[in-house]
N, C-alpha and C. Protein backbone atom coordinates (compact mmCIF):
# COMPACT_ATOMS: atom_id res chain seq x y z
N MET A 1 20.36 0.13 -27.23
CA MET A 1 19.51 -0.57 -26.29
C MET A 1 18.34 -1.20 -27.03
N ASN A 2 17.93 -2.37 -26.55
CA ASN A 2 16.73 -3.00 -27.08
C ASN A 2 15.52 -2.11 -26.83
N ASN A 3 14.57 -2.16 -27.73
CA ASN A 3 13.35 -1.40 -27.52
C ASN A 3 12.33 -2.17 -26.70
N TRP A 4 12.59 -3.46 -26.43
CA TRP A 4 11.69 -4.25 -25.61
C TRP A 4 12.46 -5.42 -24.99
N ASN A 5 11.88 -6.01 -23.95
CA ASN A 5 12.36 -7.26 -23.38
C ASN A 5 11.24 -7.88 -22.56
N TYR A 6 11.51 -9.06 -22.04
CA TYR A 6 10.56 -9.72 -21.15
C TYR A 6 10.87 -9.30 -19.72
N ARG A 7 9.83 -8.99 -18.95
CA ARG A 7 10.01 -8.60 -17.55
C ARG A 7 8.93 -9.23 -16.70
N VAL A 8 9.29 -9.53 -15.46
CA VAL A 8 8.30 -9.97 -14.49
C VAL A 8 7.60 -8.72 -13.96
N ILE A 9 6.28 -8.76 -13.96
CA ILE A 9 5.47 -7.67 -13.42
C ILE A 9 4.54 -8.26 -12.37
N SER A 10 4.43 -7.57 -11.25
CA SER A 10 3.44 -7.96 -10.26
C SER A 10 2.29 -6.96 -10.34
N ARG A 11 1.09 -7.47 -10.19
CA ARG A 11 -0.09 -6.60 -10.22
C ARG A 11 -1.14 -7.17 -9.29
N THR A 12 -2.05 -6.33 -8.86
CA THR A 12 -3.14 -6.77 -8.01
C THR A 12 -4.34 -7.08 -8.91
N ASN A 13 -4.88 -8.31 -8.79
CA ASN A 13 -6.00 -8.69 -9.64
C ASN A 13 -7.31 -8.15 -9.08
N GLU A 14 -8.41 -8.47 -9.75
CA GLU A 14 -9.71 -7.92 -9.37
C GLU A 14 -10.21 -8.41 -8.00
N THR A 15 -9.61 -9.50 -7.48
CA THR A 15 -10.00 -9.98 -6.14
C THR A 15 -9.08 -9.45 -5.06
N GLY A 16 -8.11 -8.60 -5.43
CA GLY A 16 -7.21 -8.00 -4.46
C GLY A 16 -5.95 -8.79 -4.18
N GLN A 17 -5.74 -9.90 -4.91
CA GLN A 17 -4.54 -10.71 -4.71
C GLN A 17 -3.44 -10.28 -5.68
N VAL A 18 -2.21 -10.35 -5.21
CA VAL A 18 -1.06 -10.02 -6.06
C VAL A 18 -0.76 -11.21 -6.95
N GLU A 19 -0.55 -10.94 -8.24
CA GLU A 19 -0.18 -11.96 -9.22
C GLU A 19 1.12 -11.55 -9.90
N TYR A 20 1.90 -12.54 -10.29
CA TYR A 20 3.13 -12.31 -11.04
C TYR A 20 2.99 -12.94 -12.41
N GLY A 21 3.57 -12.29 -13.41
CA GLY A 21 3.56 -12.82 -14.76
C GLY A 21 4.71 -12.23 -15.55
N ILE A 22 4.96 -12.81 -16.70
CA ILE A 22 5.99 -12.29 -17.59
C ILE A 22 5.29 -11.55 -18.73
N TYR A 23 5.73 -10.33 -18.94
CA TYR A 23 5.15 -9.44 -19.93
C TYR A 23 6.23 -8.96 -20.89
N GLU A 24 5.82 -8.53 -22.08
CA GLU A 24 6.71 -7.80 -22.97
C GLU A 24 6.65 -6.34 -22.54
N VAL A 25 7.80 -5.75 -22.26
CA VAL A 25 7.88 -4.35 -21.84
C VAL A 25 8.62 -3.57 -22.92
N PHE A 26 8.08 -2.43 -23.28
CA PHE A 26 8.64 -1.60 -24.34
C PHE A 26 9.21 -0.32 -23.73
N TYR A 27 10.29 0.19 -24.35
CA TYR A 27 11.04 1.30 -23.77
C TYR A 27 11.20 2.44 -24.76
N PHE A 28 11.28 3.65 -24.21
CA PHE A 28 11.70 4.82 -24.99
C PHE A 28 13.21 4.75 -25.17
N ASP A 29 13.75 5.58 -26.04
CA ASP A 29 15.19 5.57 -26.30
C ASP A 29 16.03 5.87 -25.06
N ASP A 30 15.47 6.61 -24.11
CA ASP A 30 16.22 6.92 -22.89
C ASP A 30 16.18 5.79 -21.86
N GLY A 31 15.49 4.69 -22.19
CA GLY A 31 15.42 3.54 -21.29
C GLY A 31 14.24 3.52 -20.36
N SER A 32 13.45 4.59 -20.34
CA SER A 32 12.27 4.59 -19.48
C SER A 32 11.17 3.74 -20.11
N VAL A 33 10.29 3.22 -19.27
CA VAL A 33 9.25 2.31 -19.73
C VAL A 33 8.18 3.07 -20.51
N LYS A 34 7.93 2.57 -21.71
CA LYS A 34 6.90 3.14 -22.59
C LYS A 34 5.56 2.45 -22.36
N GLY A 35 5.60 1.13 -22.13
CA GLY A 35 4.37 0.37 -21.93
C GLY A 35 4.67 -1.12 -21.87
N TRP A 36 3.61 -1.90 -21.71
CA TRP A 36 3.76 -3.35 -21.64
C TRP A 36 2.50 -3.99 -22.18
N THR A 37 2.61 -5.29 -22.49
CA THR A 37 1.46 -6.00 -23.02
C THR A 37 0.34 -6.05 -21.99
N LYS A 38 -0.88 -6.05 -22.47
CA LYS A 38 -2.05 -6.04 -21.58
C LYS A 38 -2.13 -7.31 -20.75
N GLU A 39 -1.87 -8.44 -21.37
CA GLU A 39 -1.97 -9.74 -20.70
C GLU A 39 -0.59 -10.33 -20.49
N SER A 40 -0.46 -11.07 -19.42
CA SER A 40 0.77 -11.81 -19.15
C SER A 40 0.96 -12.89 -20.20
N LEU A 41 2.20 -13.16 -20.55
CA LEU A 41 2.51 -14.24 -21.49
C LEU A 41 2.53 -15.59 -20.79
N THR A 42 2.47 -15.58 -19.48
CA THR A 42 2.46 -16.80 -18.68
C THR A 42 1.17 -16.83 -17.86
N PRO A 43 0.79 -18.02 -17.38
CA PRO A 43 -0.35 -18.05 -16.47
C PRO A 43 -0.04 -17.22 -15.23
N PRO A 44 -1.02 -16.53 -14.66
CA PRO A 44 -0.76 -15.75 -13.45
C PRO A 44 -0.32 -16.66 -12.31
N SER A 45 0.65 -16.21 -11.54
CA SER A 45 1.20 -16.99 -10.43
C SER A 45 1.11 -16.19 -9.15
N ALA A 46 0.91 -16.88 -8.03
CA ALA A 46 0.73 -16.22 -6.75
C ALA A 46 2.05 -15.76 -6.13
N SER A 47 3.19 -16.24 -6.65
CA SER A 47 4.49 -15.86 -6.10
C SER A 47 5.55 -16.01 -7.18
N LEU A 48 6.72 -15.43 -6.92
CA LEU A 48 7.83 -15.61 -7.87
C LEU A 48 8.25 -17.06 -7.94
N ALA A 49 8.21 -17.77 -6.81
CA ALA A 49 8.58 -19.19 -6.80
C ALA A 49 7.61 -20.00 -7.66
N GLU A 50 6.33 -19.71 -7.57
CA GLU A 50 5.34 -20.42 -8.38
C GLU A 50 5.54 -20.11 -9.86
N LEU A 51 5.84 -18.86 -10.19
CA LEU A 51 6.11 -18.49 -11.57
C LEU A 51 7.32 -19.25 -12.09
N ASN A 52 8.36 -19.37 -11.28
CA ASN A 52 9.55 -20.12 -11.66
C ASN A 52 9.21 -21.58 -11.95
N GLU A 53 8.40 -22.19 -11.10
CA GLU A 53 8.00 -23.59 -11.31
C GLU A 53 7.18 -23.74 -12.58
N ASP A 54 6.27 -22.80 -12.84
CA ASP A 54 5.47 -22.85 -14.06
C ASP A 54 6.37 -22.79 -15.29
N LEU A 55 7.38 -21.92 -15.25
CA LEU A 55 8.30 -21.80 -16.39
C LEU A 55 9.10 -23.09 -16.59
N LYS A 56 9.51 -23.73 -15.51
CA LYS A 56 10.22 -25.00 -15.62
C LYS A 56 9.34 -26.05 -16.29
N LEU A 57 8.07 -26.08 -15.91
CA LEU A 57 7.14 -27.03 -16.53
C LEU A 57 6.96 -26.73 -18.02
N MET A 58 6.91 -25.45 -18.36
CA MET A 58 6.78 -25.07 -19.77
C MET A 58 8.02 -25.49 -20.56
N LEU A 59 9.20 -25.27 -19.99
CA LEU A 59 10.43 -25.67 -20.67
C LEU A 59 10.51 -27.18 -20.86
N ALA A 60 9.94 -27.92 -19.93
CA ALA A 60 9.94 -29.38 -20.05
C ALA A 60 9.16 -29.85 -21.27
N ALA A 61 8.26 -29.02 -21.78
CA ALA A 61 7.50 -29.37 -22.98
C ALA A 61 8.41 -29.59 -24.19
N TYR A 62 9.59 -28.97 -24.19
CA TYR A 62 10.54 -29.16 -25.29
C TYR A 62 11.09 -30.57 -25.35
N GLU A 63 10.97 -31.31 -24.28
CA GLU A 63 11.46 -32.68 -24.24
C GLU A 63 10.45 -33.65 -24.86
N LEU A 64 9.26 -33.19 -25.18
CA LEU A 64 8.20 -34.03 -25.75
C LEU A 64 8.02 -33.70 -27.23
N GLU A 65 7.54 -34.66 -27.97
CA GLU A 65 7.23 -34.41 -29.38
C GLU A 65 6.04 -33.46 -29.47
N PRO A 66 6.08 -32.54 -30.40
CA PRO A 66 4.94 -31.63 -30.56
C PRO A 66 3.68 -32.41 -30.94
N LEU A 67 2.55 -31.94 -30.48
CA LEU A 67 1.27 -32.51 -30.87
C LEU A 67 0.80 -31.77 -32.12
N HIS A 68 0.22 -32.52 -33.05
CA HIS A 68 -0.29 -31.93 -34.28
C HIS A 68 -1.78 -32.24 -34.38
N PHE A 69 -2.59 -31.21 -34.60
CA PHE A 69 -4.03 -31.39 -34.72
C PHE A 69 -4.50 -30.88 -36.04
């Protein structure tokens, strides 16, 4: 089994609203959750549908030339 993967986690933010994000989740050998990254790897989203739309927009970035600074 993989020791980690990406997972959607919902959490309640400091204003009491539920947010969804994608986190790296780490596992013990028996498959139980060991922990997860402190911050979401995606912008916080108010719903699973909004998170899905955000990810589609991020994937669309691959269709553009990278910016170099």
